[in-house]
Amino acid sequence: MLICVSTYRLHGNSEGRKKSVARAFHLLLPAVIFLLVCIGTNAQVENTEVPGPSLSQGDKYDAPDKPESDSVFDMIVSLPRQSASIYSVLNQIGGQVGYFFVYDTEIVDSDQRIRIRAGNKPVSLWLEEVLDDPSLDYRIIEQHILIYRPDIEVPEYSIAGKEEAPAKEEVVIVRGRVLDEETRDPLSFATVGIKGGSIGIISNSDGFFSLRVPPGYADRDISVTHLGYRTRTLPVRVFSDNRVDILMKTEYISIPEVMIRYFDPNGIVRSAISRIDHNYSNKPVYMLNFYREGVMRGSRFINYSEAFFQVYKSPHHNRFEQDQVKLLQSRSISNIDRSDTLILKIRAGIKSSLELDFIKNVPDFLNPEFLYEYKFTRSDIVAFDGRMAYGVAFEQREHINEPLFKGVLYIDIESLAFLGAEFEVNPKYISKAHERFIARRNRDYRATIDKAHYTVSYRYHDGFYYLNHVRADLHLRYRRRFSLFGSNYHVFVEMANSRIDTGDVERFRRREALRTDRVFMDGGHAYDSDFWDGYSIIPPEKRITDALANIESRIERVVAGSD
């Protein structure tokens, strides 16, 4: 079965519109399931979709000087009369004493509203009143106050927050969920990793994550980052035998008052198109990229691959010169069990990722010849990767009933460079796009495409913008003929750039270049256990552009070894 996830259309001047080109993936569907096959490693992908407790962190503030730990609960805190949630009251207490509260949401209902009278009381008495549960106890761990039940095993720490020397160091599993502090919505693509280290993971679509922390890192801190939110840092020890919900606070970038918020979206898009040659390099470059692809059935991986590539990126203006890929390191995992009645493998995922570069492979919504098919509207002036940008929404016009794209373009205010885009096949017409995605069918099954979503971003380097990150997600449902029930599948490919080299750039020799139109995980590529040791498998929703910071040093060794 052939599945296409990139549907940029090609048009012919004399022949009119041609059918969409199948540029993206192929899914191979054997009818029979065999034994579990693990390529390169016998590592298993952990199920990260698990319920979690809560890390309550209040507004960012200048913390007062830390008191001695044994005196924290005796500190006097002043609170006004109020009706508020437990979460809000704990934040007020923590703000005055300079500590954050950590607790399990199965123990503490942080959304429960309570009434308190104004007063000046020690922290210990406020906690008794607010929590109203004599079975709870409290412990200081660095700048955090852990709320727990004594019957639940909690590792012992000295009052200063230093861990008692264990008899034997063991791997610590850090589990939790990342949520928006105000809406409590899950945050996908949040990066969770050892601060200053090379170990990291990313939250999935429901905000869940699971990170294996090797022995020797128990005294380190966990850093949680997400685009548009303030970074959170907390000790590894907080997670020991606990699952926590990490509440992230939005980070706002102020817009100068003199900025005129109105703009003409059509004019901005046309101006940005006219400046492509000025903003994007006309010379080839080498890129060091991290790549991954995977297929999930429900919340479980069917297969997953990740790799480091060196990419020969051809100039954007040369539409006929293809990009090239040289494989540096890779690993693949197959996770099939007897309940699976279909096996899907991604074909041409690497090629698809490269072709999502919409500056080089121009889609309809940026092709001057077909802009009339789209309606461009002002979204807002937004912050995009630290730059102020015009947000321009686009969607096909009402009289066009083909499955075209809709989404948002981000255009730099100063340079008018395309910084990125988020778009999808119009959900209103996606049912008409099945033939574009599925070219080879299994007659025993019926497939339904639910969603096809794409993100692309560019970054500035030495005077020009270059492709930085691409991702394609395809959500589909398979149902056996004459059956009322089916299974949900999620197919994704993603590539992120770590480094750009502009000097002495030449095309790779043919024997060095990887075939990008094949099933990557079936390539039989060598697995280097020394290189991958200590890296957790990355859930599909992890934002790898952030995760690259955690593995930069090892990437450098890969490059040095390939020279």
Protein backbone atom coordinates (compact mmCIF):
# COMPACT_ATOMS: atom_id res chain seq x y z
CA MET A 1 0.00 0.00 0.00
CA LEU A 2 1.32 3.44 -0.93
CA ILE A 3 0.62 6.31 1.46
CA CYS A 4 1.46 9.90 0.48
CA VAL A 5 1.75 12.54 3.18
CA SER A 6 3.13 15.45 1.14
CA THR A 7 0.63 16.62 -1.44
CA TYR A 8 2.15 19.70 -3.01
CA ARG A 9 0.51 19.84 -6.42
CA LEU A 10 2.20 20.24 -9.79
CA HIS A 11 0.52 22.18 -12.56
CA GLY A 12 1.13 22.24 -16.29
CA ASN A 13 0.49 25.40 -18.26
CA SER A 14 -0.85 23.61 -21.31
CA GLU A 15 -2.45 20.60 -19.67
CA GLY A 16 -4.09 22.37 -16.76
CA ARG A 17 -3.96 20.84 -13.37
CA LYS A 18 -2.20 17.55 -13.00
CA LYS A 19 -2.93 15.07 -10.26
CA SER A 20 -1.05 15.52 -6.99
CA VAL A 21 2.35 13.93 -6.95
CA ALA A 22 2.85 11.10 -4.45
CA ARG A 23 5.98 12.39 -2.72
CA ALA A 24 5.70 11.11 0.76
CA PHE A 25 5.47 7.71 2.34
CA HIS A 26 4.67 4.20 1.36
CA LEU A 27 3.15 1.87 3.92
CA LEU A 28 3.82 -1.83 3.48
CA LEU A 29 0.91 -4.00 4.60
CA PRO A 30 1.68 -7.73 5.00
CA ALA A 31 -1.45 -9.72 5.70
CA VAL A 32 0.17 -11.90 8.38
CA ILE A 33 2.03 -10.93 11.52
CA PHE A 34 5.28 -12.68 12.33
CA LEU A 35 7.41 -12.65 15.46
CA LEU A 36 8.65 -9.42 16.98
CA VAL A 37 11.65 -8.13 15.06
CA CYS A 38 14.08 -5.67 16.65
CA ILE A 39 16.50 -4.03 14.26
CA GLY A 40 19.76 -2.77 15.71
CA THR A 41 18.69 -2.94 19.35
CA ASN A 42 16.43 -4.91 21.62
CA ALA A 43 15.25 -1.78 23.39
CA GLN A 44 11.52 -1.50 23.96
CA VAL A 45 9.50 1.67 23.60
CA GLU A 46 7.89 2.50 26.89
CA ASN A 47 4.23 3.46 27.01
CA THR A 48 4.35 7.09 28.05
CA GLU A 49 0.59 7.59 28.14
CA VAL A 50 0.08 7.19 31.87
CA PRO A 51 -1.80 9.28 34.41
CA GLY A 52 0.35 11.57 36.49
CA PRO A 53 0.52 13.56 39.67
CA SER A 54 1.18 17.24 39.79
CA LEU A 55 4.02 19.66 40.06
CA SER A 56 2.50 22.96 41.11
CA GLN A 57 4.68 25.93 40.30
CA GLY A 58 3.46 29.44 40.77
CA ASP A 59 4.25 32.66 39.01
CA LYS A 60 7.86 33.51 38.42
CA TYR A 61 9.16 35.75 41.16
CA ASP A 62 12.31 36.89 42.85
CA ALA A 63 12.52 34.33 45.62
CA PRO A 64 13.45 35.57 49.07
CA ASP A 65 16.60 34.32 50.70
CA LYS A 66 16.12 30.67 51.50
CA PRO A 67 15.63 29.98 55.19
CA GLU A 68 17.13 26.97 56.86
CA SER A 69 15.07 23.96 55.75
CA ASP A 70 14.00 22.98 59.24
CA SER A 71 12.48 26.44 59.75
CA VAL A 72 10.42 26.63 56.56
CA PHE A 73 7.30 25.20 58.16
CA ASP A 74 7.60 27.72 61.03
CA MET A 75 7.74 30.75 58.72
CA ILE A 76 4.80 33.13 59.05
CA VAL A 77 2.72 33.59 55.91
CA SER A 78 0.03 36.25 55.48
CA LEU A 79 -2.98 35.38 53.33
CA PRO A 80 -6.13 37.43 52.66
CA ARG A 81 -9.66 36.16 52.97
CA GLN A 82 -10.52 34.39 49.77
CA SER A 83 -12.32 31.64 47.91
CA ALA A 84 -9.78 29.98 45.63
CA SER A 85 -8.44 26.66 44.42
CA ILE A 86 -5.96 24.67 46.48
CA TYR A 87 -3.52 25.19 43.63
CA SER A 88 -3.82 28.96 43.91
CA VAL A 89 -3.44 29.03 47.70
CA LEU A 90 -0.37 26.76 47.63
CA ASN A 91 1.18 29.07 45.05
CA GLN A 92 0.63 32.04 47.35
CA ILE A 93 2.28 30.23 50.24
CA GLY A 94 5.17 29.09 48.09
CA GLY A 95 5.65 32.58 46.71
CA GLN A 96 6.17 34.01 50.18
CA VAL A 97 8.60 31.38 51.43
CA GLY A 98 10.47 30.87 48.15
CA TYR A 99 9.55 27.19 47.58
CA PHE A 100 7.51 25.24 45.04
CA PHE A 101 5.01 22.55 46.04
CA VAL A 102 5.15 19.09 44.48
CA TYR A 103 2.32 16.64 44.89
CA ASP A 104 0.43 13.76 43.33
CA THR A 105 -2.96 14.81 41.93
CA GLU A 106 -4.40 11.51 43.11
CA ILE A 107 -3.59 12.68 46.65
CA VAL A 108 -4.17 16.43 46.35
CA ASP A 109 -7.10 17.73 44.30
CA SER A 110 -5.49 20.99 43.22
CA ASP A 111 -8.66 22.21 41.44
CA GLN A 112 -10.83 21.93 44.56
CA ARG A 113 -12.07 25.32 45.70
CA ILE A 114 -11.78 26.24 49.38
CA ARG A 115 -12.59 29.22 51.59
CA ILE A 116 -10.01 30.60 53.99
CA ARG A 117 -10.06 33.49 56.43
CA ALA A 118 -7.40 36.16 56.46
CA GLY A 119 -4.59 35.47 58.85
CA ASN A 120 -0.90 35.28 59.72
CA LYS A 121 0.10 31.69 60.39
CA PRO A 122 3.08 29.37 60.13
CA VAL A 123 3.31 27.36 56.91
CA SER A 124 2.54 24.14 58.79
CA LEU A 125 -0.80 25.47 60.05
CA TRP A 126 -1.78 26.83 56.65
CA LEU A 127 -1.08 23.41 55.10
CA GLU A 128 -3.23 21.69 57.70
CA GLU A 129 -6.11 24.06 56.95
CA VAL A 130 -5.77 24.09 53.17
CA LEU A 131 -5.24 20.36 52.65
CA ASP A 132 -7.48 19.19 55.54
CA ASP A 133 -5.95 15.70 55.46
CA PRO A 134 -4.06 14.51 58.58
CA SER A 135 -2.65 11.54 56.63
CA LEU A 136 -0.42 13.82 54.58
CA ASP A 137 3.16 14.68 55.42
CA TYR A 138 5.71 17.11 53.96
CA ARG A 139 9.37 16.99 53.06
CA ILE A 140 11.89 19.55 51.82
CA ILE A 141 13.81 18.61 48.65
CA GLU A 142 16.01 21.50 47.61
CA GLN A 143 13.61 24.35 46.68
CA HIS A 144 10.56 22.07 46.61
CA ILE A 145 8.11 20.99 49.30
CA LEU A 146 6.94 17.45 48.57
CA ILE A 147 3.43 16.59 49.79
CA TYR A 148 2.98 12.83 50.24
CA ARG A 149 1.41 10.09 52.30
CA PRO A 150 3.85 8.31 54.63
CA ASP A 151 2.50 4.91 53.58
CA ILE A 152 3.82 5.61 50.08
CA GLU A 153 7.51 4.91 49.87
CA VAL A 154 9.47 8.11 49.37
CA PRO A 155 13.27 8.11 49.19
CA GLU A 156 14.99 9.53 52.25
CA TYR A 157 16.96 12.75 51.91
CA SER A 158 18.81 14.81 54.41
CA ILE A 159 17.04 17.99 55.45
CA ALA A 160 19.45 19.99 53.29
CA GLY A 161 18.22 18.13 50.24
CA LYS A 162 21.23 15.88 49.68
CA GLU A 163 20.51 12.22 49.03
CA GLU A 164 21.69 9.60 51.49
CA ALA A 165 24.23 7.39 49.76
CA PRO A 166 22.31 4.38 48.42
CA ALA A 167 23.64 0.90 48.72
CA LYS A 168 23.40 0.50 44.97
CA GLU A 169 22.68 3.07 42.29
CA GLU A 170 19.81 2.20 39.99
CA VAL A 171 18.20 3.68 36.93
CA VAL A 172 15.51 6.22 37.86
CA ILE A 173 12.37 6.40 35.70
CA VAL A 174 11.12 9.98 35.51
CA ARG A 175 7.45 10.02 34.53
CA GLY A 176 5.00 12.84 34.28
CA ARG A 177 2.83 15.10 32.18
CA VAL A 178 3.31 18.66 30.93
CA LEU A 179 0.30 20.99 31.09
CA ASP A 180 -0.55 24.62 30.44
CA GLU A 181 -0.77 26.31 33.84
CA GLU A 182 -3.92 28.30 33.03
CA THR A 183 -5.96 25.98 30.80
CA ARG A 184 -4.58 22.64 32.07
CA ASP A 185 -4.41 21.52 28.44
CA PRO A 186 -1.64 18.98 27.70
CA LEU A 187 1.46 20.35 25.98
CA SER A 188 2.96 18.13 23.31
CA PHE A 189 6.52 18.66 22.01
CA ALA A 190 7.76 19.76 25.46
CA THR A 191 11.44 18.87 25.94
CA VAL A 192 12.26 17.07 29.20
CA GLY A 193 15.93 16.36 29.87
CA ILE A 194 18.84 16.36 32.28
CA LYS A 195 19.93 19.97 32.65
CA GLY A 196 23.27 20.42 30.93
CA GLY A 197 23.37 16.77 29.90
CA SER A 198 22.79 14.66 26.80
CA ILE A 199 19.74 12.73 28.01
CA GLY A 200 16.33 13.92 26.93
CA ILE A 201 12.81 12.98 25.93
CA ILE A 202 9.74 14.83 24.66
CA SER A 203 6.11 14.74 25.72
CA ASN A 204 3.58 13.09 23.45
CA SER A 205 0.26 14.47 22.21
CA ASP A 206 -1.30 14.07 25.66
CA GLY A 207 1.65 15.73 27.40
CA PHE A 208 3.01 12.49 28.89
CA PHE A 209 6.69 11.56 29.03
CA SER A 210 8.87 8.81 30.46
CA LEU A 211 12.63 9.33 30.80
CA ARG A 212 15.24 6.82 31.96
CA VAL A 213 17.85 8.57 34.11
CA PRO A 214 21.08 6.51 34.41
CA PRO A 215 22.90 5.92 37.71
CA GLY A 216 24.99 8.88 38.74
CA TYR A 217 22.42 11.50 37.72
CA ALA A 218 20.24 11.36 40.85
CA ASP A 219 21.61 14.70 42.09
CA ARG A 220 21.00 16.48 38.79
CA ASP A 221 18.05 18.63 37.75
CA ILE A 222 15.37 17.99 35.17
CA SER A 223 14.73 20.85 32.74
CA VAL A 224 11.36 21.21 31.01
CA THR A 225 11.07 23.59 28.06
CA HIS A 226 8.40 24.41 25.51
CA LEU A 227 8.16 27.09 22.86
CA GLY A 228 6.23 30.04 24.29
CA TYR A 229 6.59 28.95 27.93
CA ARG A 230 9.00 29.64 30.76
CA THR A 231 11.54 26.91 31.44
CA ARG A 232 10.92 24.79 34.54
CA THR A 233 13.71 23.14 36.52
CA LEU A 234 13.29 20.62 39.33
CA PRO A 235 15.40 17.90 40.96
CA VAL A 236 15.42 14.33 39.61
CA ARG A 237 14.69 13.19 43.16
CA VAL A 238 11.26 14.81 43.09
CA PHE A 239 10.18 12.21 40.55
CA SER A 240 11.41 9.17 42.45
CA ASP A 241 8.41 6.83 42.82
CA ASN A 242 6.20 9.77 41.81
CA ARG A 243 4.52 10.86 38.62
CA VAL A 244 4.03 14.59 38.42
CA ASP A 245 2.09 17.08 36.35
CA ILE A 246 4.37 19.97 35.37
CA LEU A 247 2.42 23.18 34.93
CA MET A 248 4.02 25.58 32.44
CA LYS A 249 3.51 29.32 32.50
CA THR A 250 3.14 31.26 29.25
CA GLU A 251 6.02 33.57 28.35
CA TYR A 252 4.80 36.69 26.61
CA ILE A 253 6.87 38.84 24.27
CA SER A 254 5.74 42.43 24.34
CA ILE A 255 5.01 44.29 21.11
CA PRO A 256 6.11 47.92 20.96
CA GLU A 257 3.22 50.34 21.27
CA VAL A 258 4.23 52.17 18.11
CA MET A 259 3.79 49.04 16.01
CA ILE A 260 0.78 49.21 13.71
CA ARG A 261 -1.04 45.91 14.10
CA TYR A 262 -2.97 46.17 10.85
CA PHE A 263 -1.36 44.78 7.72
CA ASP A 264 -2.45 43.69 4.27
CA PRO A 265 -2.08 39.87 4.23
CA ASN A 266 -2.14 39.55 0.42
CA GLY A 267 0.48 42.25 0.02
CA ILE A 268 2.69 40.73 2.73
CA VAL A 269 2.61 37.27 1.10
CA ARG A 270 3.40 38.61 -2.37
CA SER A 271 6.21 40.77 -1.01
CA ALA A 272 7.68 37.79 0.86
CA ILE A 273 7.59 35.70 -2.32
CA SER A 274 9.37 38.46 -4.24
CA ARG A 275 12.17 38.52 -1.64
CA ILE A 276 12.90 34.77 -1.60
CA ASP A 277 16.06 35.14 -3.68
CA HIS A 278 17.26 37.82 -1.27
CA ASN A 279 16.50 35.91 1.94
CA TYR A 280 17.54 32.38 0.96
CA SER A 281 20.96 31.29 -0.24
CA ASN A 282 21.57 30.33 -3.87
CA LYS A 283 24.52 28.12 -2.92
CA PRO A 284 24.53 24.52 -1.62
CA VAL A 285 25.33 23.79 2.03
CA TYR A 286 26.00 20.81 4.26
CA MET A 287 23.52 20.21 7.06
CA LEU A 288 23.84 17.92 10.05
CA ASN A 289 20.30 16.64 10.65
CA PHE A 290 18.54 14.44 13.14
CA TYR A 291 15.75 12.35 11.61
CA ARG A 292 13.05 10.08 12.94
CA GLU A 293 10.00 8.29 11.66
CA GLY A 294 7.45 5.98 13.18
CA VAL A 295 4.09 4.25 13.05
CA MET A 296 1.82 4.00 16.06
CA ARG A 297 -1.31 1.99 16.61
CA GLY A 298 -3.22 3.83 19.29
CA SER A 299 -0.59 4.77 21.89
CA ARG A 300 1.80 1.92 21.01
CA PHE A 301 4.67 1.97 18.57
CA ILE A 302 4.54 -0.51 15.70
CA ASN A 303 7.93 0.61 14.45
CA TYR A 304 10.28 3.50 15.06
CA SER A 305 13.57 4.68 13.54
CA GLU A 306 15.91 7.58 14.22
CA ALA A 307 19.18 8.62 12.66
CA PHE A 308 21.79 11.31 12.14
CA PHE A 309 22.39 12.41 8.55
CA GLN A 310 24.73 14.71 6.74
CA VAL A 311 22.63 16.37 4.06
CA TYR A 312 23.81 18.01 0.87
CA LYS A 313 21.18 20.74 0.54
CA SER A 314 20.94 21.98 -3.00
CA PRO A 315 20.17 25.66 -3.79
CA HIS A 316 16.52 26.64 -3.60
CA HIS A 317 16.46 28.12 -7.10
CA ASN A 318 17.67 24.89 -8.74
CA ARG A 319 14.44 22.89 -8.92
CA PHE A 320 16.07 19.99 -10.73
CA GLU A 321 19.05 19.29 -8.45
CA GLN A 322 18.11 16.79 -5.77
CA ASP A 323 19.21 16.91 -2.14
CA GLN A 324 21.48 14.09 -0.96
CA VAL A 325 21.74 12.24 2.36
CA LYS A 326 24.73 10.48 3.94
CA LEU A 327 23.92 8.19 6.88
CA LEU A 328 26.06 8.67 10.02
CA GLN A 329 24.22 6.74 12.76
CA SER A 330 20.85 5.03 13.02
CA ARG A 331 18.72 2.66 15.04
CA SER A 332 15.33 1.07 14.44
CA ILE A 333 12.82 -0.78 16.58
CA SER A 334 9.92 -3.01 15.64
CA ASN A 335 7.30 -3.61 18.32
CA ILE A 336 4.76 -6.02 16.87
CA ASP A 337 2.55 -8.28 18.97
CA ARG A 338 -0.03 -10.92 18.19
CA SER A 339 -2.91 -8.46 18.38
CA ASP A 340 -1.66 -6.62 15.30
CA THR A 341 -3.48 -7.59 12.11
CA LEU A 342 -1.66 -5.03 9.99
CA ILE A 343 2.00 -4.09 9.79
CA LEU A 344 2.81 -0.67 8.40
CA LYS A 345 6.29 0.50 7.40
CA ILE A 346 7.19 3.92 6.12
CA ARG A 347 8.68 4.20 2.69
CA ALA A 348 10.36 7.36 1.34
CA GLY A 349 10.02 9.19 4.66
CA ILE A 350 13.44 10.83 4.25
CA LYS A 351 12.60 12.05 0.78
CA SER A 352 9.29 13.39 2.02
CA SER A 353 10.97 15.35 4.78
CA LEU A 354 13.36 17.04 2.37
CA GLU A 355 10.60 17.85 -0.09
CA LEU A 356 8.59 19.67 2.58
CA ASP A 357 11.05 22.54 2.08
CA PHE A 358 8.43 24.85 0.53
CA ILE A 359 11.02 27.44 -0.54
CA LYS A 360 12.60 24.90 -2.90
CA ASN A 361 9.46 22.84 -3.65
CA VAL A 362 6.87 25.57 -4.06
CA PRO A 363 3.29 24.57 -3.13
CA ASP A 364 0.12 26.10 -4.58
CA PHE A 365 -0.34 28.56 -1.73
CA LEU A 366 3.02 30.21 -2.55
CA ASN A 367 2.91 29.87 -6.32
CA PRO A 368 2.03 33.28 -7.84
CA GLU A 369 0.21 31.50 -10.65
CA PHE A 370 -2.29 29.95 -8.24
CA LEU A 371 -2.58 32.44 -5.40
CA TYR A 372 -6.03 33.34 -6.69
CA GLU A 373 -7.25 29.96 -5.38
CA TYR A 374 -6.55 31.01 -1.81
CA LYS A 375 -7.95 33.57 0.58
CA PHE A 376 -5.33 35.18 2.81
CA THR A 377 -6.42 36.78 6.05
CA ARG A 378 -4.64 38.54 8.90
CA SER A 379 -4.07 36.24 11.85
CA ASP A 380 -1.98 38.43 14.16
CA ILE A 381 1.50 39.70 14.87
CA VAL A 382 3.12 36.86 16.79
CA ALA A 383 6.43 35.73 18.29
CA PHE A 384 7.97 32.93 16.23
CA ASP A 385 11.25 31.46 17.52
CA GLY A 386 12.09 34.77 19.16
CA ARG A 387 11.31 36.89 16.08
CA MET A 388 8.31 39.14 15.54
CA ALA A 389 6.32 37.85 12.60
CA TYR A 390 3.15 38.42 10.62
CA GLY A 391 0.78 35.54 11.06
CA VAL A 392 -1.12 35.11 7.78
CA ALA A 393 -3.88 32.52 7.63
CA PHE A 394 -4.74 30.95 4.27
CA GLU A 395 -7.54 28.76 3.02
CA GLN A 396 -8.98 27.83 -0.35
CA ARG A 397 -11.79 30.01 -1.66
CA GLU A 398 -15.39 28.93 -1.17
CA HIS A 399 -16.04 27.97 -4.80
CA ILE A 400 -13.10 25.50 -4.86
CA ASN A 401 -14.06 22.08 -3.55
CA GLU A 402 -10.77 20.24 -4.05
CA PRO A 403 -8.73 19.03 -1.06
CA LEU A 404 -6.22 21.90 -0.89
CA PHE A 405 -4.25 23.23 2.08
CA LYS A 406 -5.22 25.56 4.91
CA GLY A 407 -2.98 26.92 7.63
CA VAL A 408 -0.85 29.82 8.80
CA LEU A 409 2.31 31.38 7.32
CA TYR A 410 4.81 33.14 9.58
CA ILE A 411 6.65 36.01 7.86
CA ASP A 412 9.40 38.02 9.55
CA ILE A 413 8.36 41.64 10.02
CA GLU A 414 11.78 43.11 9.23
CA SER A 415 13.12 40.92 6.41
CA LEU A 416 9.82 39.53 5.05
CA ALA A 417 11.41 36.07 5.10
CA PHE A 418 9.19 33.02 5.53
CA LEU A 419 10.06 31.80 9.03
CA GLY A 420 7.75 28.82 8.87
CA ALA A 421 4.27 27.47 8.34
CA GLU A 422 1.73 25.16 9.93
CA PHE A 423 -0.82 23.69 7.54
CA GLU A 424 -3.00 20.70 6.79
CA VAL A 425 -5.16 19.25 4.08
CA ASN A 426 -8.49 21.03 4.45
CA PRO A 427 -10.53 18.79 6.81
CA LYS A 428 -13.69 19.73 4.90
CA TYR A 429 -12.41 17.95 1.80
CA ILE A 430 -9.91 15.43 3.12
CA SER A 431 -12.27 12.57 2.29
CA LYS A 432 -11.57 13.38 -1.36
CA ALA A 433 -7.82 13.05 -0.83
CA HIS A 434 -7.68 9.33 -0.07
CA GLU A 435 -6.44 8.48 -3.54
CA ARG A 436 -3.60 10.95 -3.11
CA PHE A 437 -2.44 9.21 0.03
CA ILE A 438 -3.22 5.58 -0.71
CA ALA A 439 -2.11 4.26 -4.06
CA ARG A 440 -1.84 0.55 -3.26
CA ARG A 441 -4.68 -1.00 -1.33
CA ASN A 442 -5.30 -4.22 0.55
CA ARG A 443 -8.72 -5.40 -0.55
CA ASP A 444 -9.43 -6.92 2.88
CA TYR A 445 -9.19 -3.54 4.61
CA ARG A 446 -10.70 -0.10 4.24
CA ALA A 447 -8.64 2.96 5.10
CA THR A 448 -9.91 6.40 6.12
CA ILE A 449 -7.64 9.44 6.29
CA ASP A 450 -8.59 11.56 9.29
CA LYS A 451 -5.90 14.23 9.23
CA ALA A 452 -2.76 15.22 7.34
CA HIS A 453 -0.78 17.92 9.14
CA TYR A 454 2.58 19.59 8.41
CA THR A 455 4.97 22.01 10.10
CA VAL A 456 7.99 23.64 8.49
CA SER A 457 10.42 26.20 9.91
CA TYR A 458 13.55 28.06 8.78
CA ARG A 459 16.38 29.66 10.75
CA TYR A 460 18.80 32.47 10.12
CA HIS A 461 22.48 31.68 9.57
CA ASP A 462 25.23 33.95 8.25
CA GLY A 463 22.98 36.28 6.26
CA PHE A 464 20.42 33.78 4.91
CA TYR A 465 17.58 31.56 6.04
CA TYR A 466 17.88 27.77 5.82
CA LEU A 467 15.55 24.84 6.39
CA ASN A 468 15.51 24.12 10.13
CA HIS A 469 12.72 21.69 10.96
CA VAL A 470 10.00 19.74 9.17
CA ARG A 471 7.37 17.35 10.38
CA ALA A 472 4.50 15.49 8.73
CA ASP A 473 1.75 13.66 10.63
CA LEU A 474 -0.82 11.40 9.04
CA HIS A 475 -3.72 10.06 11.11
CA LEU A 476 -5.69 7.25 9.55
CA ARG A 477 -8.07 4.49 10.50
CA TYR A 478 -8.13 0.94 9.18
CA ARG A 479 -11.18 -1.29 9.31
CA ARG A 480 -11.51 -4.85 8.07
CA ARG A 481 -14.22 -5.31 5.49
CA PHE A 482 -17.66 -6.06 6.97
CA SER A 483 -16.38 -5.10 10.45
CA LEU A 484 -17.90 -2.29 12.52
CA PHE A 485 -14.69 -1.55 14.39
CA GLY A 486 -11.22 -0.53 13.33
CA SER A 487 -7.85 0.68 14.59
CA ASN A 488 -6.36 4.15 14.66
CA TYR A 489 -2.86 4.63 13.27
CA HIS A 490 -0.50 7.60 13.45
CA VAL A 491 2.32 7.88 10.92
CA PHE A 492 4.96 10.60 11.28
CA VAL A 493 8.29 11.74 9.88
CA GLU A 494 10.43 14.54 11.28
CA MET A 495 13.80 16.11 10.54
CA ALA A 496 15.67 18.86 12.39
CA ASN A 497 18.86 20.70 11.53
CA SER A 498 21.69 20.94 14.06
CA ARG A 499 24.49 22.56 12.08
CA ILE A 500 25.09 24.31 8.76
CA ASP A 501 28.44 24.30 6.90
CA THR A 502 28.94 26.55 3.88
CA GLY A 503 32.59 25.88 3.03
CA ASP A 504 33.90 23.37 0.43
CA VAL A 505 30.46 21.92 -0.30
CA GLU A 506 30.37 19.20 -2.95
CA ARG A 507 27.85 16.54 -3.84
CA PHE A 508 28.40 13.14 -2.23
CA ARG A 509 29.76 10.26 -4.26
CA ARG A 510 27.05 7.88 -5.38
CA ARG A 511 28.18 5.08 -3.06
CA GLU A 512 28.03 7.48 -0.06
CA ALA A 513 24.51 8.70 -0.72
CA LEU A 514 21.55 6.98 0.90
CA ARG A 515 18.52 6.01 -1.17
CA THR A 516 15.80 8.24 0.27
CA ASP A 517 12.87 6.54 -1.48
CA ARG A 518 13.21 3.22 0.36
CA VAL A 519 11.87 1.73 3.60
CA PHE A 520 14.53 3.14 5.91
CA MET A 521 14.06 0.72 8.81
CA ASP A 522 14.59 -2.27 6.49
CA GLY A 523 17.94 -0.97 5.25
CA GLY A 524 19.99 -3.21 7.54
CA HIS A 525 22.11 -0.26 8.72
CA ALA A 526 24.78 -0.91 11.35
CA TYR A 527 23.89 -0.15 14.97
CA ASP A 528 26.51 1.49 17.19
CA SER A 529 25.66 0.61 20.81
CA ASP A 530 28.37 2.90 22.17
CA PHE A 531 26.89 5.90 20.41
CA TRP A 532 23.27 5.28 21.41
CA ASP A 533 23.99 4.18 24.97
CA GLY A 534 22.08 6.33 27.45
CA TYR A 535 19.60 7.79 24.95
CA SER A 536 15.93 7.27 25.67
CA ILE A 537 13.59 6.49 22.80
CA ILE A 538 11.86 9.73 21.82
CA PRO A 539 8.03 9.68 21.79
CA PRO A 540 6.59 10.86 18.46
CA GLU A 541 5.52 14.24 19.79
CA LYS A 542 8.93 15.26 21.07
CA ARG A 543 10.16 18.55 19.68
CA ILE A 544 13.54 17.46 18.34
CA THR A 545 14.65 21.01 17.59
CA ASP A 546 14.82 21.49 21.37
CA ALA A 547 16.17 18.00 22.05
CA LEU A 548 19.20 18.57 19.83
CA ALA A 549 20.69 20.81 22.50
CA ASN A 550 20.93 17.76 24.78
CA ILE A 551 23.00 15.71 22.32
CA GLU A 552 25.18 18.35 20.71
CA SER A 553 28.50 16.97 22.00
CA ARG A 554 27.87 13.50 20.68
CA ILE A 555 26.78 14.88 17.31
CA GLU A 556 30.15 16.58 17.02
CA ARG A 557 31.89 13.25 17.51
CA VAL A 558 29.75 11.73 14.79
CA VAL A 559 30.77 14.44 12.35
CA ALA A 560 34.43 14.13 13.27
CA GLY A 561 34.28 10.39 12.69
CA SER A 562 32.73 10.81 9.26
CA ASP A 563 35.36 13.25 7.98
